[in-house]
Structure formats: structure tokens, C-alpha cells
């Protein structure tokens, strides 16, 4: 019993660490799939052309277990420096390598069906990406480990930032 009492905490930590690693790998893979599918929807030449909501919905469908939102309703940026709530994801559609500040006249950064008028406020202006422009879909996911010791070691979160850059087909 004494030996078990000495070994049990290490075995439990190892077991739950493996479970957390598996969960992290699953959410990383699901987030990457969501970003790829959202980019596929954003660049697809359809009638009508895709909208920001179409792209967000595609990411949400392909990211089970996470609520996919857009902070402040700013689909096209700026990408904030903060992090989503635990177990939640943000999705953004922007030009490749977007700045973290508001752009009044950015390069094309929205799917083709969006309004060409800037959104104003804390959001970057919206310029439709037509003419085979590049779009970047960014999915930011906040993973929180379930094991308390691992949770404390990683400061209560692991942030996955998954980006896909693709050229529009319209």
C-alpha cells in the first residue's frame, strides 16, 4: 500500500496528461479542419458569392465542441491580441498577414459577396476580394487542459492560432 501511495500520483498525472494531450491534438486537428473548410467556402465561386456569415458557419460546422464567434462582429479584422473564452474559437477573414490595428483602406480582405463600404467603428474596412485575390482565414482556439497540474503549468490555457491562405476563384 505504501508503494502504491507513492506511485499512484505519478501514474495518475501521467494518465491524465496523456488524455489532455489527446484532447489538445483533437482540438488542434479540428481547428485546422475548420480553418481549411472556412477558407474553401470563402474562395469558392458560387451564386451568390460567399459572405462572412457563410465562412463562419462553415468553420462552426467543422469544429465540433467549440463555439465559433467573431469578437465585436469584426470578421475582417483587426485580429485582437486577446484570447477567446475557454473552449471557444474566433474566426477572421482578412488579407494575408493582417495588422492588429484598424485599417481604413486595407487590401481586399472579404469574400466577394460583401459590401464594399467600410464597416467603421473598431472594425477594419471591408474590401471584397475579387479577381483571384488572396484571403487568409484565421481560427483562434483557446484550449484549457482538464488536468489541474498541467492547467497551472500552461497558465490556464493553450492558444491555437490556425491560418489558411488561399486565392479566390472569382
Protein backbone atom coordinates (compact mmCIF):
# COMPACT_ATOMS: atom_id res chain seq x y z
CA UNK A 1 0.00 0.00 0.00
CA UNK A 2 2.82 2.35 0.78
CA UNK A 3 4.40 1.77 -2.61
CA UNK A 4 1.06 2.34 -4.34
CA UNK A 5 0.58 5.58 -2.38
CA UNK A 6 3.97 6.76 -3.62
CA UNK A 7 3.48 5.71 -7.25
CA UNK A 8 -0.23 6.50 -7.70
CA UNK A 9 0.11 10.31 -8.06
CA UNK A 10 2.74 9.92 -10.77
CA UNK A 11 0.67 7.32 -12.63
CA UNK A 12 -2.48 9.45 -12.39
CA UNK A 13 -0.64 12.54 -13.61
CA UNK A 14 0.82 10.56 -16.50
CA UNK A 15 -2.58 9.07 -17.39
CA UNK A 16 -4.44 12.36 -17.31
CA UNK A 17 -1.56 14.10 -19.09
CA UNK A 18 -1.92 11.61 -21.93
CA UNK A 19 -5.67 12.26 -22.01
CA UNK A 20 -5.09 16.03 -22.13
CA UNK A 21 -2.52 15.62 -24.89
CA UNK A 22 -5.05 13.59 -26.88
CA UNK A 23 -7.72 16.25 -26.33
CA UNK A 24 -5.30 19.00 -27.40
CA UNK A 25 -4.36 17.07 -30.53
CA UNK A 26 -8.04 16.51 -31.36
CA UNK A 27 -8.94 20.21 -30.98
CA UNK A 28 -5.86 21.29 -32.95
CA UNK A 29 -6.83 18.93 -35.76
CA UNK A 30 -10.49 20.00 -35.66
CA UNK A 31 -9.47 23.68 -35.68
CA UNK A 32 -7.22 23.12 -38.68
CA UNK A 33 -10.06 21.33 -40.50
CA UNK A 34 -12.42 24.20 -39.62
CA UNK A 35 -9.94 26.77 -40.98
CA UNK A 36 -9.46 24.78 -44.21
CA UNK A 37 -13.21 24.37 -44.73
CA UNK A 38 -13.88 28.04 -43.95
CA UNK A 39 -11.20 29.04 -46.48
CA UNK A 40 -12.71 26.68 -49.06
CA UNK A 41 -16.10 28.34 -48.60
CA UNK A 42 -14.57 31.85 -48.72
CA UNK A 43 -12.80 31.29 -52.04
CA UNK A 44 -15.48 29.25 -53.81
CA UNK A 45 -17.10 30.94 -56.81
CA UNK A 46 -20.78 30.36 -56.14
CA UNK A 47 -24.01 32.17 -56.89
CA UNK A 48 -24.48 34.19 -54.73
CA UNK A 49 -20.87 34.76 -53.70
CA UNK A 50 -19.94 33.71 -50.14
CA UNK A 51 -20.48 36.05 -47.22
CA UNK A 52 -18.66 36.38 -43.91
CA UNK A 53 -21.52 34.54 -42.20
CA UNK A 54 -21.17 31.64 -44.66
CA UNK A 55 -17.50 31.35 -43.77
CA UNK A 56 -18.17 31.47 -40.01
CA UNK A 57 -20.93 28.87 -40.32
CA UNK A 58 -18.60 26.55 -42.27
CA UNK A 59 -15.98 26.86 -39.53
CA UNK A 60 -18.60 26.22 -36.83
CA UNK A 61 -19.92 23.08 -38.54
CA UNK A 62 -16.41 21.64 -38.87
CA UNK A 63 -15.29 22.50 -35.33
CA UNK A 64 -17.42 20.31 -33.04
CA UNK A 65 -17.09 21.01 -29.36
CA UNK A 66 -16.26 24.70 -29.79
CA UNK A 67 -18.49 27.75 -30.07
CA UNK A 68 -17.25 29.76 -33.05
CA UNK A 69 -17.81 33.50 -32.79
CA UNK A 70 -16.39 36.78 -34.06
CA UNK A 71 -15.35 39.31 -31.39
CA UNK A 72 -17.16 42.60 -31.89
CA UNK A 73 -18.60 41.38 -35.19
CA UNK A 74 -15.34 42.32 -36.95
CA UNK A 75 -14.95 39.42 -39.39
CA UNK A 76 -12.26 41.22 -41.38
CA UNK A 77 -10.14 42.45 -38.51
CA UNK A 78 -8.34 43.65 -36.74
CA UNK A 79 -7.39 40.33 -35.12
CA UNK A 80 -7.32 41.15 -31.39
CA UNK A 81 -4.36 40.25 -29.23
CA UNK A 82 -6.55 38.70 -26.53
CA UNK A 83 -7.98 35.21 -26.40
CA UNK A 84 -11.45 33.71 -26.69
CA UNK A 85 -13.26 32.20 -23.72
CA UNK A 86 -12.27 28.70 -22.63
CA UNK A 87 -13.32 26.15 -25.23
CA UNK A 88 -14.35 28.85 -27.72
CA UNK A 89 -12.95 29.88 -31.09
CA UNK A 90 -12.77 33.08 -33.10
CA UNK A 91 -12.75 33.19 -36.90
CA UNK A 92 -11.43 36.02 -39.10
CA UNK A 93 -11.29 36.54 -42.85
CA UNK A 94 -8.58 39.01 -43.85
CA UNK A 95 -5.74 39.73 -46.22
CA UNK A 96 -2.60 37.64 -45.60
CA UNK A 97 -0.66 38.81 -42.52
CA UNK A 98 -3.21 41.38 -41.30
CA UNK A 99 -2.14 44.14 -38.92
CA UNK A 100 -3.51 44.22 -35.37
CA UNK A 101 -4.81 47.78 -35.79
CA UNK A 102 -7.89 49.08 -37.58
CA UNK A 103 -7.34 49.63 -41.31
CA UNK A 104 -9.35 52.33 -43.03
CA UNK A 105 -8.37 51.25 -46.54
CA UNK A 106 -6.99 47.70 -46.41
CA UNK A 107 -6.22 45.48 -49.36
CA UNK A 108 -9.04 43.09 -50.36
CA UNK A 109 -9.95 41.21 -47.19
CA UNK A 110 -13.52 39.95 -47.52
CA UNK A 111 -15.31 37.28 -49.54
CA UNK A 112 -16.70 38.53 -52.86
CA UNK A 113 -20.28 38.97 -51.74
CA UNK A 114 -19.61 41.57 -49.07
CA UNK A 115 -20.49 45.22 -49.25
CA UNK A 116 -17.65 47.47 -50.47
CA UNK A 117 -18.46 50.13 -47.87
CA UNK A 118 -16.19 50.17 -44.82
CA UNK A 119 -17.77 48.95 -41.60
CA UNK A 120 -16.39 51.80 -39.50
CA UNK A 121 -16.08 51.75 -35.73
CA UNK A 122 -13.48 49.41 -34.25
CA UNK A 123 -13.56 47.17 -37.36
CA UNK A 124 -11.37 47.37 -40.44
CA UNK A 125 -12.95 48.46 -43.71
CA UNK A 126 -14.37 45.73 -45.95
CA UNK A 127 -12.98 45.38 -49.47
CA UNK A 128 -14.22 42.38 -51.46
CA UNK A 129 -11.51 40.02 -52.68
CA UNK A 130 -12.39 39.67 -56.36
CA UNK A 131 -10.04 38.99 -59.23
CA UNK A 132 -8.30 35.98 -57.68
CA UNK A 133 -7.09 37.88 -54.61
CA UNK A 134 -5.68 36.03 -51.61
CA UNK A 135 -7.72 35.63 -48.44
CA UNK A 136 -6.49 34.42 -45.08
CA UNK A 137 -8.84 32.58 -42.74
CA UNK A 138 -7.64 32.60 -39.14
CA UNK A 139 -9.15 30.41 -36.43
CA UNK A 140 -8.07 31.18 -32.85
CA UNK A 141 -8.99 28.50 -30.28
CA UNK A 142 -8.48 28.62 -26.51
CA UNK A 143 -7.74 25.10 -25.23
CA UNK A 144 -7.90 24.60 -21.46
CA UNK A 145 -6.40 21.35 -20.11
CA UNK A 146 -8.55 19.33 -17.72
CA UNK A 147 -5.66 18.18 -15.50
CA UNK A 148 -5.18 20.78 -12.73
CA UNK A 149 -1.38 20.50 -12.56
CA UNK A 150 -0.98 20.79 -16.33
CA UNK A 151 -3.54 23.61 -16.31
CA UNK A 152 -1.38 25.52 -13.82
CA UNK A 153 1.81 24.83 -15.81
CA UNK A 154 0.39 26.31 -19.03
CA UNK A 155 -1.19 29.36 -17.32
CA UNK A 156 -4.76 28.08 -17.67
CA UNK A 157 -4.80 28.00 -21.48
CA UNK A 158 -3.08 26.97 -24.69
CA UNK A 159 -3.86 29.22 -27.64
CA UNK A 160 -4.07 27.61 -31.09
CA UNK A 161 -3.82 30.10 -33.98
CA UNK A 162 -4.54 28.27 -37.24
CA UNK A 163 -4.25 30.13 -40.56
CA UNK A 164 -5.06 29.17 -44.14
CA UNK A 165 -4.21 31.41 -47.11
CA UNK A 166 -5.99 30.71 -50.40
CA UNK A 167 -6.69 32.52 -53.66
CA UNK A 168 -10.31 33.28 -54.59
CA UNK A 169 -11.87 31.50 -57.56
CA UNK A 170 -13.94 34.53 -58.61
